[in-house]
Amino acid sequence: MWRTILFDLDGTLTDSSEGMVRSVLYALNTVGRTENDVRSLRRYIGPPLRQAFKEFAGLTEEEADRAAAAYREYYAREGMYIASVYPMVPEMLYALKRAGMTLGVVTSKETAQAVRTLQQLRLAQCFDVIIGCRPEETNVSRGALIEEALTVLGKQYTRGEVVYVGDRFYDMEAAKGAGIAAAGAAYGYGSAGELAHSGADCIAQNAAELTRLLMGSGQTARMGNAGAPMTSGQRFLQILIPLLIWFAITNIVSAIGGAVYGAIKVAEYAAAGKDVTNAAQAIIEEMMTTDFNVLNMILSGVANLVVIPVMLAVYKKDTFRITGRRTSLRAEKKPGAVNSLTALFMGLGISIVVNIIIAMTPIAQWMYEMNPSRYDMLDSLPVWAMFIVTCLLAPVAEELLFRAVIFRRMRQFTGYMTAAFVSAALFGIVHFDVVTGIAAFIIGVIMAMLYEYTGSIFTSMFFHFGFNIYSVLIDLIPFDSMSETAQGGIMIGILAGGILFTAVSLLIFLKKNRNQA
């Protein structure tokens, strides 16, 4: 049974093809070569750079050196940030670590670039060793890098207990040359036929299948369902069930609250000696009052208070299934003061821009005519109720549901953009009308981006808080006592402030996180 597993990086753990292709194109242009067929540039992915430039582009030694230097310069500046993790790879790595295996990365890219890429994708902590080329090394073999990895690990290995996982023929040949087993990742840049022809001991079509092969039949039970491939129906249920739980809690709390309110009113009628058979119409009329609107808001807050621990339990269960660690939200990566404040002001700025534009166009009247009772209710609510429920409880409950559970689950078996769009679409659907739903979809995509970019659900919560607090702050401005000219001037000033908040906070956020990567 394999006890030490060494992975290739590009094409095995990560899909870096777009960033690498752009880097190759830049390198070729640097030495005066052009390539019109962009698809052919994918063959440069994997082999040592100088070798690839000489073999595929016919460059001389001197040109290959210049091209390799240009490639590394562009890749370090831009290309390395265009990468994604293959579906189920995080689950695979955590399952292997939980089973007690030693994990390493052996890649032909520079070690510093490999480390930064893995840190950016939040995978670096999974590995005991990360080995790549040094900047001055121009033609080091994959086999030599494998030997270096085993030396760094410093254990007395039986070569039969070590396997190298890669996606191309030279990965398989390097493993065989080092006297260790070779496992092929056919979902990468090579093919199953290429891997089989070059001597792969086993071949996997996806990361879930690779997990089972690496764990061995005797270890499968220890990994639970982490590596088991999901059917389309199971994936659909993974996303639908948390949403149904939220829907059920919200409606049950609302129904119980309404029933209690009605029972109290009936009791009051009976105590006053009134005919309780005629109480129904009176109660319905009272449901249109400010007091009942406040009750509805309180019930919404109560529902969120129930949703929060339920979604936390789901989050903890998902975390244990993926990582084998029992943890809580307190162990979630902290975003830091800069990310927290920039996310908050970004949310506030975008909310200002969206709401002011809607208020200054016929869209506002159209939204009111579609659902007048809802907007009358919001106008009648006290500021304290809006702040507690809308700004504090709702962002926590909704981010746990739509980002920490739904987006995170989708991220395990699909790409970032698909997960972001689907989770944001669901977030938009559960809102009240078309315009609000579209706005919710857009900010849902942004909040998924913040979560993906920083690795912290708290970042998206701060953004959500900033977005929602606009509705409280705008109510504090006494527009009714102002002239139309003054109102217009204030609205334009607020809009300018919103644009400024959005631009500055976005620039600071991107600079902060690009530097960290």
Protein backbone atom coordinates (compact mmCIF):
# COMPACT_ATOMS: atom_id res chain seq x y z
CA MET A 1 0.00 0.00 0.00
CA TRP A 2 1.33 3.46 -0.87
CA ARG A 3 2.24 5.60 2.12
CA THR A 4 3.94 8.53 0.38
CA ILE A 5 2.22 10.28 -2.52
CA LEU A 6 3.97 12.88 -4.65
CA PHE A 7 1.86 14.98 -7.02
CA ASP A 8 2.63 16.90 -10.15
CA LEU A 9 1.02 20.35 -9.93
CA ASP A 10 -0.26 21.63 -13.28
CA GLY A 11 -2.76 19.27 -14.86
CA THR A 12 -2.96 17.07 -11.76
CA LEU A 13 -3.96 19.32 -8.86
CA THR A 14 -4.61 22.58 -10.66
CA ASP A 15 -5.81 23.70 -14.08
CA SER A 16 -3.37 26.49 -14.92
CA SER A 17 -3.68 26.12 -18.67
CA GLU A 18 -4.95 29.61 -19.51
CA GLY A 19 -2.30 31.41 -17.48
CA MET A 20 0.45 29.13 -18.80
CA VAL A 21 -0.69 29.49 -22.42
CA ARG A 22 -0.64 33.28 -22.09
CA SER A 23 2.87 33.05 -20.61
CA VAL A 24 4.10 30.86 -23.48
CA LEU A 25 2.63 33.27 -26.03
CA TYR A 26 4.35 36.19 -24.28
CA ALA A 27 7.67 34.29 -24.20
CA LEU A 28 7.52 33.43 -27.90
CA ASN A 29 6.71 37.04 -28.81
CA THR A 30 9.72 38.14 -26.74
CA VAL A 31 12.07 36.17 -29.03
CA GLY A 32 10.27 37.24 -32.20
CA ARG A 33 8.16 34.13 -32.75
CA THR A 34 4.40 34.08 -33.33
CA GLU A 35 1.90 31.27 -32.91
CA ASN A 36 -1.49 31.60 -34.58
CA ASP A 37 -2.89 28.29 -33.32
CA VAL A 38 -3.38 28.98 -29.61
CA ARG A 39 -4.51 25.38 -29.01
CA SER A 40 -1.08 24.10 -29.97
CA LEU A 41 0.44 26.09 -27.10
CA ARG A 42 -1.01 23.60 -24.60
CA ARG A 43 1.76 21.14 -25.52
CA TYR A 44 4.21 23.46 -23.72
CA ILE A 45 2.48 22.72 -20.44
CA GLY A 46 4.43 20.28 -18.29
CA PRO A 47 7.85 19.68 -19.90
CA PRO A 48 10.91 21.67 -18.73
CA LEU A 49 10.67 25.12 -20.33
CA ARG A 50 13.92 25.19 -22.30
CA GLN A 51 13.32 21.70 -23.63
CA ALA A 52 9.79 22.62 -24.73
CA PHE A 53 10.88 25.83 -26.46
CA LYS A 54 13.65 24.03 -28.35
CA GLU A 55 11.52 21.04 -29.31
CA PHE A 56 8.24 22.73 -30.21
CA ALA A 57 9.38 26.16 -31.43
CA GLY A 58 12.82 25.23 -32.78
CA LEU A 59 14.60 27.83 -30.66
CA THR A 60 18.35 27.92 -30.24
CA GLU A 61 19.96 27.51 -26.83
CA GLU A 62 20.25 31.27 -26.41
CA GLU A 63 16.67 31.90 -27.59
CA ALA A 64 15.34 29.15 -25.31
CA ASP A 65 17.06 30.79 -22.33
CA ARG A 66 15.52 34.17 -23.18
CA ALA A 67 12.08 32.63 -23.75
CA ALA A 68 12.21 30.71 -20.47
CA ALA A 69 13.17 33.90 -18.59
CA ALA A 70 10.34 35.83 -20.28
CA TYR A 71 7.88 33.05 -19.47
CA ARG A 72 8.81 33.07 -15.79
CA GLU A 73 8.65 36.87 -15.63
CA TYR A 74 5.14 37.02 -17.15
CA TYR A 75 3.90 33.99 -15.19
CA ALA A 76 5.08 35.49 -11.88
CA ARG A 77 3.45 38.83 -12.73
CA GLU A 78 0.10 37.66 -14.17
CA GLY A 79 -0.13 34.05 -15.33
CA MET A 80 0.08 32.35 -11.95
CA TYR A 81 -3.08 34.10 -10.77
CA ILE A 82 -5.13 32.42 -13.51
CA ALA A 83 -5.53 28.96 -11.98
CA SER A 84 -8.24 26.82 -10.44
CA VAL A 85 -8.39 23.56 -8.50
CA TYR A 86 -9.82 20.53 -10.26
CA PRO A 87 -13.15 19.34 -8.79
CA MET A 88 -12.81 17.06 -5.72
CA VAL A 89 -9.06 17.70 -5.36
CA PRO A 90 -9.38 19.40 -1.93
CA GLU A 91 -11.47 16.50 -0.66
CA MET A 92 -8.92 14.06 -2.04
CA LEU A 93 -6.00 15.75 -0.30
CA TYR A 94 -7.78 16.01 3.05
CA ALA A 95 -8.91 12.40 2.86
CA LEU A 96 -5.33 11.24 2.18
CA LYS A 97 -3.97 13.34 5.04
CA ARG A 98 -6.64 11.97 7.34
CA ALA A 99 -5.54 8.46 6.40
CA GLY A 100 -2.02 9.28 7.61
CA MET A 101 -0.31 9.57 4.24
CA THR A 102 2.72 11.76 3.51
CA LEU A 103 2.00 14.16 0.67
CA GLY A 104 4.31 16.19 -1.53
CA VAL A 105 4.36 18.23 -4.73
CA VAL A 106 7.07 17.79 -7.37
CA THR A 107 6.82 20.19 -10.30
CA SER A 108 9.06 21.61 -13.01
CA LYS A 109 7.99 25.19 -12.26
CA GLU A 110 9.99 27.27 -9.80
CA THR A 111 9.51 26.31 -6.16
CA ALA A 112 8.51 29.84 -5.12
CA GLN A 113 5.84 29.98 -7.83
CA ALA A 114 4.50 26.56 -6.86
CA VAL A 115 4.27 27.60 -3.20
CA ARG A 116 2.49 30.86 -4.05
CA THR A 117 0.02 29.07 -6.33
CA LEU A 118 -0.82 26.50 -3.65
CA GLN A 119 -1.14 29.23 -1.03
CA GLN A 120 -3.44 31.22 -3.30
CA LEU A 121 -5.65 28.15 -3.76
CA ARG A 122 -5.47 27.32 -0.01
CA LEU A 123 -3.84 23.91 -0.56
CA ALA A 124 -0.27 24.51 0.66
CA GLN A 125 -1.04 23.27 4.17
CA CYS A 126 -1.81 19.80 2.80
CA PHE A 127 1.78 19.05 1.80
CA ASP A 128 4.83 17.95 3.76
CA VAL A 129 7.18 19.02 0.97
CA ILE A 130 6.93 21.20 -2.17
CA ILE A 131 9.80 20.74 -4.63
CA GLY A 132 10.34 22.66 -7.86
CA CYS A 133 13.18 24.15 -9.85
CA ARG A 134 15.46 26.87 -8.54
CA PRO A 135 15.62 30.09 -10.60
CA GLU A 136 19.10 29.25 -11.85
CA GLU A 137 18.12 25.71 -12.90
CA THR A 138 17.19 25.57 -16.56
CA ASN A 139 16.95 21.89 -17.46
CA VAL A 140 16.56 19.82 -14.30
CA SER A 141 14.86 16.46 -14.82
CA ARG A 142 11.62 15.43 -13.12
CA GLY A 143 13.37 12.33 -11.83
CA ALA A 144 15.99 14.43 -10.05
CA LEU A 145 13.24 16.51 -8.44
CA ILE A 146 11.52 13.33 -7.20
CA GLU A 147 14.80 12.19 -5.65
CA GLU A 148 15.19 15.60 -3.99
CA ALA A 149 11.69 15.35 -2.52
CA LEU A 150 12.42 11.95 -1.02
CA THR A 151 15.70 13.25 0.40
CA VAL A 152 13.99 16.27 1.99
CA LEU A 153 11.36 14.04 3.57
CA GLY A 154 14.26 12.19 5.17
CA LYS A 155 12.53 8.86 5.73
CA GLN A 156 13.73 5.33 5.06
CA TYR A 157 11.51 4.57 2.13
CA THR A 158 10.68 1.31 0.53
CA ARG A 159 10.29 2.47 -3.05
CA GLY A 160 7.23 0.29 -3.38
CA GLU A 161 5.45 2.54 -0.86
CA VAL A 162 5.89 5.71 -2.95
CA VAL A 163 3.80 6.80 -5.94
CA TYR A 164 4.07 9.82 -8.23
CA VAL A 165 0.85 11.18 -9.70
CA GLY A 166 0.98 13.08 -12.98
CA ASP A 167 -0.95 13.74 -16.16
CA ARG A 168 1.68 13.37 -18.91
CA PHE A 169 3.99 10.65 -20.25
CA TYR A 170 7.14 12.28 -18.85
CA ASP A 171 5.60 12.11 -15.35
CA MET A 172 5.16 8.36 -15.73
CA GLU A 173 8.66 7.93 -17.16
CA ALA A 174 10.20 9.99 -14.32
CA ALA A 175 8.43 7.87 -11.70
CA LYS A 176 9.59 4.64 -13.32
CA GLY A 177 13.11 6.00 -13.57
CA ALA A 178 13.08 6.74 -9.84
CA GLY A 179 11.90 3.21 -9.07
CA ILE A 180 8.49 4.23 -7.73
CA ALA A 181 4.92 3.62 -8.87
CA ALA A 182 3.22 5.92 -11.38
CA ALA A 183 -0.44 6.96 -11.25
CA GLY A 184 -2.02 8.77 -14.20
CA ALA A 185 -4.49 11.66 -13.95
CA ALA A 186 -6.37 11.36 -17.23
CA TYR A 187 -8.49 14.44 -16.44
CA GLY A 188 -5.40 16.67 -16.92
CA TYR A 189 -3.53 17.73 -20.05
CA GLY A 190 -2.66 14.24 -21.29
CA SER A 191 -4.87 11.27 -22.16
CA ALA A 192 -5.53 7.82 -20.80
CA GLY A 193 -3.87 6.29 -23.88
CA GLU A 194 -0.72 8.37 -23.43
CA LEU A 195 -0.51 7.48 -19.73
CA ALA A 196 -1.08 3.77 -20.33
CA HIS A 197 1.52 3.67 -23.10
CA SER A 198 4.11 5.32 -20.85
CA GLY A 199 3.70 2.73 -18.09
CA ALA A 200 1.15 4.09 -15.62
CA ASP A 201 0.36 1.56 -12.89
CA CYS A 202 -3.16 2.93 -12.60
CA ILE A 203 -5.20 5.65 -14.31
CA ALA A 204 -8.02 7.79 -12.89
CA GLN A 205 -10.61 9.72 -14.89
CA ASN A 206 -11.32 12.20 -12.08
CA ALA A 207 -10.07 13.14 -8.62
CA ALA A 208 -12.71 11.05 -6.87
CA GLU A 209 -11.55 7.92 -8.69
CA LEU A 210 -7.93 8.89 -8.03
CA THR A 211 -8.70 9.14 -4.32
CA ARG A 212 -9.98 5.58 -4.19
CA LEU A 213 -6.97 4.29 -6.11
CA LEU A 214 -4.48 6.06 -3.84
CA MET A 215 -6.26 5.06 -0.64
CA GLY A 216 -6.44 1.40 -1.64
CA SER A 217 -9.38 -0.88 -0.96
CA GLY A 218 -8.37 -1.37 2.64
CA GLN A 219 -8.52 2.38 3.32
CA THR A 220 -11.74 3.28 1.55
CA ALA A 221 -13.90 2.96 4.66
CA ARG A 222 -11.77 5.47 6.56
CA MET A 223 -12.43 8.28 4.12
CA GLY A 224 -16.22 8.09 4.43
CA ASN A 225 -17.86 9.69 1.39
CA ALA A 226 -15.08 12.18 0.72
CA GLY A 227 -13.85 10.48 -2.42
CA ALA A 228 -17.01 8.83 -3.62
CA PRO A 229 -18.20 10.31 -6.92
CA MET A 230 -21.61 11.94 -6.68
CA THR A 231 -24.34 11.36 -9.20
CA SER A 232 -26.10 14.38 -10.68
CA GLY A 233 -29.07 13.67 -8.43
CA GLN A 234 -26.90 13.61 -5.31
CA ARG A 235 -25.26 16.88 -6.28
CA PHE A 236 -28.68 18.45 -6.82
CA LEU A 237 -29.81 17.31 -3.37
CA GLN A 238 -26.59 18.65 -1.83
CA ILE A 239 -27.68 22.11 -2.98
CA LEU A 240 -31.46 21.78 -2.59
CA ILE A 241 -31.68 20.37 0.95
CA PRO A 242 -30.07 23.36 2.78
CA LEU A 243 -32.38 25.69 0.84
CA LEU A 244 -35.42 23.63 1.81
CA ILE A 245 -34.31 23.66 5.45
CA TRP A 246 -34.09 27.46 5.36
CA PHE A 247 -37.50 27.70 3.65
CA ALA A 248 -39.11 25.36 6.19
CA ILE A 249 -37.68 27.20 9.20
CA THR A 250 -38.78 30.59 7.85
CA ASN A 251 -42.34 29.47 7.17
CA ILE A 252 -42.75 27.48 10.39
CA VAL A 253 -41.64 30.45 12.51
CA SER A 254 -43.93 32.76 10.54
CA ALA A 255 -46.88 30.37 10.90
CA ILE A 256 -46.33 29.92 14.64
CA GLY A 257 -45.96 33.68 15.14
CA GLY A 258 -49.13 34.40 13.15
CA ALA A 259 -51.07 31.75 15.05
CA VAL A 260 -49.94 33.11 18.41
CA TYR A 261 -50.81 36.67 17.34
CA GLY A 262 -54.27 35.56 16.20
CA ALA A 263 -54.89 33.59 19.42
CA ILE A 264 -53.93 36.60 21.54
CA LYS A 265 -56.29 38.87 19.61
CA VAL A 266 -59.14 36.35 19.89
CA ALA A 267 -58.54 36.13 23.64
CA GLU A 268 -58.60 39.94 23.88
CA TYR A 269 -61.92 40.03 22.02
CA ALA A 270 -63.38 37.39 24.30
CA ALA A 271 -62.15 39.19 27.43
CA ALA A 272 -63.78 42.42 26.18
CA GLY A 273 -67.07 40.62 25.65
CA LYS A 274 -66.97 41.00 21.89
CA ASP A 275 -68.25 38.41 19.45
CA VAL A 276 -65.17 36.32 18.56
CA THR A 277 -66.88 35.04 15.40
CA ASN A 278 -66.42 38.51 13.90
CA ALA A 279 -62.82 38.83 15.08
CA ALA A 280 -61.24 37.46 11.90
CA GLN A 281 -61.90 40.57 9.78
CA ALA A 282 -60.67 42.86 12.54
CA ILE A 283 -57.51 40.82 12.97
CA ILE A 284 -56.82 40.99 9.22
CA GLU A 285 -57.17 44.77 9.39
CA GLU A 286 -54.79 44.93 12.33
CA MET A 287 -52.26 42.94 10.32
CA MET A 288 -51.86 46.02 8.10
CA THR A 289 -50.76 48.19 11.03
CA THR A 290 -47.23 49.22 12.02
CA ASP A 291 -47.35 47.03 15.13
CA PHE A 292 -47.90 43.92 13.06
CA ASN A 293 -45.16 44.95 10.65
CA VAL A 294 -42.78 45.12 13.59
CA LEU A 295 -43.96 41.66 14.65
CA ASN A 296 -43.24 40.35 11.16
CA MET A 297 -39.75 41.80 11.31
CA ILE A 298 -39.20 40.23 14.74
CA LEU A 299 -40.39 36.87 13.41
CA SER A 300 -37.93 37.21 10.55
CA GLY A 301 -35.21 37.81 13.12
CA VAL A 302 -36.31 34.77 15.11
CA ALA A 303 -36.19 32.65 11.95
CA ASN A 304 -32.64 33.85 11.31
CA LEU A 305 -31.69 33.01 14.89
CA VAL A 306 -32.86 29.45 14.23
CA VAL A 307 -31.24 29.26 10.78
CA ILE A 308 -27.81 30.36 12.04
CA PRO A 309 -27.07 27.40 14.39
CA VAL A 310 -28.63 24.95 11.90
CA MET A 311 -26.37 26.17 9.07
CA LEU A 312 -23.40 26.22 11.43
CA ALA A 313 -24.07 22.54 12.14
CA VAL A 314 -24.21 21.80 8.40
CA TYR A 315 -21.00 23.77 7.88
CA LYS A 316 -19.22 21.82 10.64
CA LYS A 317 -20.44 18.52 9.18
CA ASP A 318 -19.18 19.51 5.72
CA THR A 319 -15.83 20.55 7.18
CA PHE A 320 -15.40 17.21 8.95
CA ARG A 321 -16.35 15.33 5.79
CA ILE A 322 -13.74 17.27 3.79
CA THR A 323 -10.90 17.68 6.27
CA GLY A 324 -11.48 15.11 8.99
CA ARG A 325 -11.33 17.94 11.56
CA ARG A 326 -14.14 18.86 13.90
CA THR A 327 -14.12 22.63 13.90
CA SER A 328 -16.41 25.61 14.26
CA LEU A 329 -16.74 28.97 12.58
CA ARG A 330 -14.27 30.36 15.11
CA ALA A 331 -11.55 28.36 13.32
CA GLU A 332 -12.48 29.96 9.97
CA LYS A 333 -9.69 32.03 8.44
CA LYS A 334 -9.88 35.59 9.77
CA PRO A 335 -10.07 38.24 7.03
CA GLY A 336 -8.06 40.88 8.86
CA ALA A 337 -8.96 44.53 9.45
CA VAL A 338 -8.16 45.71 5.91
CA ASN A 339 -10.27 43.06 4.18
CA SER A 340 -13.11 43.54 6.66
CA LEU A 341 -13.28 47.32 6.24
CA THR A 342 -12.81 47.30 2.47
CA ALA A 343 -15.51 44.64 2.09
CA LEU A 344 -17.87 46.68 4.28
CA PHE A 345 -17.30 49.93 2.39
CA MET A 346 -17.43 48.11 -0.95
CA GLY A 347 -20.85 46.73 0.00
CA LEU A 348 -22.05 50.14 1.19
CA GLY A 349 -20.75 51.86 -1.93
CA ILE A 350 -22.37 49.40 -4.33
CA SER A 351 -25.63 49.57 -2.37
CA ILE A 352 -25.63 53.37 -2.58
CA VAL A 353 -25.03 53.34 -6.33
CA VAL A 354 -27.69 50.69 -7.02
CA ASN A 355 -30.36 52.22 -4.75
CA ILE A 356 -29.82 55.84 -5.83
CA ILE A 357 -29.99 54.89 -9.51
CA ILE A 358 -33.23 52.98 -8.86
CA ALA A 359 -34.67 55.90 -6.83
CA MET A 360 -33.91 58.40 -9.62
CA THR A 361 -35.56 56.31 -12.36
CA PRO A 362 -39.09 54.97 -13.00
CA ILE A 363 -37.90 51.59 -11.72
CA ALA A 364 -38.67 52.66 -8.13
CA GLN A 365 -42.35 53.32 -8.92
CA TRP A 366 -42.58 50.06 -10.86
CA MET A 367 -41.14 48.12 -7.90
CA TYR A 368 -43.62 49.78 -5.53
CA GLU A 369 -46.60 49.00 -7.76
CA MET A 370 -45.58 45.34 -7.94
CA ASN A 371 -45.53 44.92 -4.15
CA PRO A 372 -46.90 48.02 -2.36
CA SER A 373 -47.59 46.29 0.97
CA ARG A 374 -43.96 45.26 1.36
CA TYR A 375 -42.58 48.75 0.76
CA ASP A 376 -45.23 50.35 2.99
CA MET A 377 -44.20 47.89 5.70
CA LEU A 378 -40.51 48.76 5.31
CA ASP A 379 -41.27 52.49 5.53
CA SER A 380 -43.25 51.99 8.75
CA LEU A 381 -40.62 49.93 10.59
CA PRO A 382 -38.53 51.46 13.37
CA VAL A 383 -34.81 51.86 12.68
CA TRP A 384 -33.77 49.53 15.53
CA ALA A 385 -35.75 46.62 14.09
CA MET A 386 -34.34 47.18 10.61
CA PHE A 387 -30.79 47.34 11.96
CA ILE A 388 -30.94 44.20 14.12
CA VAL A 389 -32.72 42.00 11.62
CA THR A 390 -31.61 43.35 8.24
CA CYS A 391 -28.05 44.43 9.04
CA LEU A 392 -26.96 41.93 11.70
CA LEU A 393 -28.94 38.69 11.60
CA ALA A 394 -29.75 38.45 7.87
CA PRO A 395 -26.13 38.78 6.62
CA VAL A 396 -24.94 36.06 9.01
CA ALA A 397 -27.79 33.64 8.25
CA GLU A 398 -27.76 34.20 4.48
CA GLU A 399 -23.99 34.02 4.11
CA LEU A 400 -23.86 30.77 6.06
CA LEU A 401 -26.56 29.31 3.81
CA PHE A 402 -25.66 30.65 0.35
CA ARG A 403 -21.88 30.94 0.60
CA ALA A 404 -20.54 28.75 3.46
CA VAL A 405 -22.85 25.83 2.59
CA ILE A 406 -24.28 26.06 -0.95
CA PHE A 407 -21.36 27.79 -2.73
CA ARG A 408 -18.81 25.73 -0.77
CA ARG A 409 -20.55 22.46 -1.62
CA MET A 410 -20.77 23.34 -5.30
CA ARG A 411 -17.11 24.36 -5.27
CA GLN A 412 -16.17 20.76 -4.45
CA PHE A 413 -17.47 19.39 -7.74
CA THR A 414 -17.48 22.30 -10.15
CA GLY A 415 -15.52 25.39 -11.12
CA TYR A 416 -15.56 28.72 -9.29
CA MET A 417 -17.67 30.63 -11.82
CA THR A 418 -20.36 27.95 -12.02
CA ALA A 419 -20.55 27.72 -8.23
CA ALA A 420 -20.66 31.51 -7.90
CA PHE A 421 -23.41 31.94 -10.51
CA VAL A 422 -25.63 29.11 -9.25
CA SER A 423 -25.40 30.12 -5.58
CA ALA A 424 -26.02 33.77 -6.56
CA ALA A 425 -28.98 32.78 -8.73
CA LEU A 426 -30.58 30.94 -5.81
CA PHE A 427 -29.87 33.96 -3.59
CA GLY A 428 -31.67 36.15 -6.12
CA ILE A 429 -34.65 33.82 -6.55
CA VAL A 430 -35.56 33.88 -2.84
CA HIS A 431 -35.86 37.69 -2.86
CA PHE A 432 -39.08 39.54 -3.38
CA ASP A 433 -39.30 40.86 -6.94
CA VAL A 434 -37.50 40.93 -10.26
CA VAL A 435 -35.38 44.04 -9.64
CA THR A 436 -34.45 43.03 -6.09
CA GLY A 437 -33.69 39.53 -7.33
CA ILE A 438 -31.35 40.82 -10.06
CA ALA A 439 -29.54 43.02 -7.53
CA ALA A 440 -29.27 40.07 -5.14
CA PHE A 441 -27.83 37.93 -7.93
CA ILE A 442 -25.16 40.51 -8.75
CA ILE A 443 -24.05 41.00 -5.15
CA GLY A 444 -24.26 37.21 -4.67
CA VAL A 445 -21.60 36.78 -7.35
CA ILE A 446 -19.48 39.48 -5.69
CA MET A 447 -19.79 37.86 -2.25
CA ALA A 448 -18.82 34.47 -3.69
CA MET A 449 -15.77 36.16 -5.20
CA LEU A 450 -14.85 37.67 -1.82
CA TYR A 451 -15.21 34.28 -0.14
CA GLU A 452 -13.13 32.57 -2.83
CA TYR A 453 -10.49 35.29 -2.88
CA THR A 454 -9.90 35.54 0.88
CA GLY A 455 -10.92 32.05 2.05
CA SER A 456 -13.03 33.64 4.81
CA ILE A 457 -16.80 33.70 5.09
CA PHE A 458 -16.45 36.73 7.36
CA THR A 459 -15.37 38.84 4.38
CA SER A 460 -18.64 38.23 2.54
CA MET A 461 -20.56 38.85 5.78
CA PHE A 462 -18.96 42.29 6.13
CA PHE A 463 -19.84 43.09 2.51
CA HIS A 464 -23.42 41.95 3.10
CA PHE A 465 -23.64 44.09 6.25
CA GLY A 466 -22.36 47.11 4.33
CA PHE A 467 -24.85 46.54 1.52
CA ASN A 468 -27.83 46.21 3.86
CA ILE A 469 -26.97 49.08 6.20
CA TYR A 470 -27.74 51.61 3.47
CA SER A 471 -31.47 51.00 4.02
CA VAL A 472 -31.05 52.03 7.67
CA LEU A 473 -28.77 55.01 7.09
CA ILE A 474 -30.97 56.53 4.38
CA ASP A 475 -33.96 56.51 6.77
CA LEU A 476 -32.03 58.74 9.17
CA ILE A 477 -31.96 61.60 6.64
CA PRO A 478 -35.03 63.89 7.10
CA PHE A 479 -35.97 64.18 3.42
CA ASP A 480 -39.59 65.16 4.22
CA SER A 481 -38.47 68.50 5.68
CA MET A 482 -36.32 69.38 2.65
CA SER A 483 -37.09 71.07 -0.64
CA GLU A 484 -36.86 69.04 -3.84
CA THR A 485 -33.68 70.90 -4.78
CA ALA A 486 -32.04 70.01 -1.46
CA GLN A 487 -33.17 66.40 -1.80
CA GLY A 488 -31.68 66.19 -5.29
CA GLY A 489 -28.39 67.70 -4.15
CA ILE A 490 -28.10 65.29 -1.25
CA MET A 491 -28.89 62.31 -3.48
CA ILE A 492 -26.20 63.35 -5.97
CA GLY A 493 -23.72 63.81 -3.13
CA ILE A 494 -24.56 60.38 -1.71
CA LEU A 495 -24.20 58.83 -5.18
CA ALA A 496 -20.76 60.42 -5.60
CA GLY A 497 -19.77 59.09 -2.19
CA GLY A 498 -20.99 55.62 -3.14
CA ILE A 499 -18.91 55.61 -6.32
CA LEU A 500 -15.87 56.77 -4.33
CA PHE A 501 -16.40 54.13 -1.63
CA THR A 502 -16.70 51.40 -4.26
CA ALA A 503 -13.64 52.42 -6.29
CA VAL A 504 -11.27 53.02 -3.36
CA SER A 505 -12.28 49.94 -1.37
CA LEU A 506 -12.04 47.72 -4.46
CA LEU A 507 -8.54 48.98 -5.28
CA ILE A 508 -7.34 48.50 -1.69
CA PHE A 509 -8.91 45.04 -1.52
CA LEU A 510 -7.30 43.85 -4.77
CA LYS A 511 -3.90 45.27 -3.81
CA LYS A 512 -4.05 43.72 -0.35
CA ASN A 513 -4.94 40.25 -1.60
CA ARG A 514 -2.68 40.29 -4.64
CA ASN A 515 0.25 41.05 -2.34
CA GLN A 516 -0.73 38.22 -0.01
CA ALA A 517 -0.91 35.77 -2.94
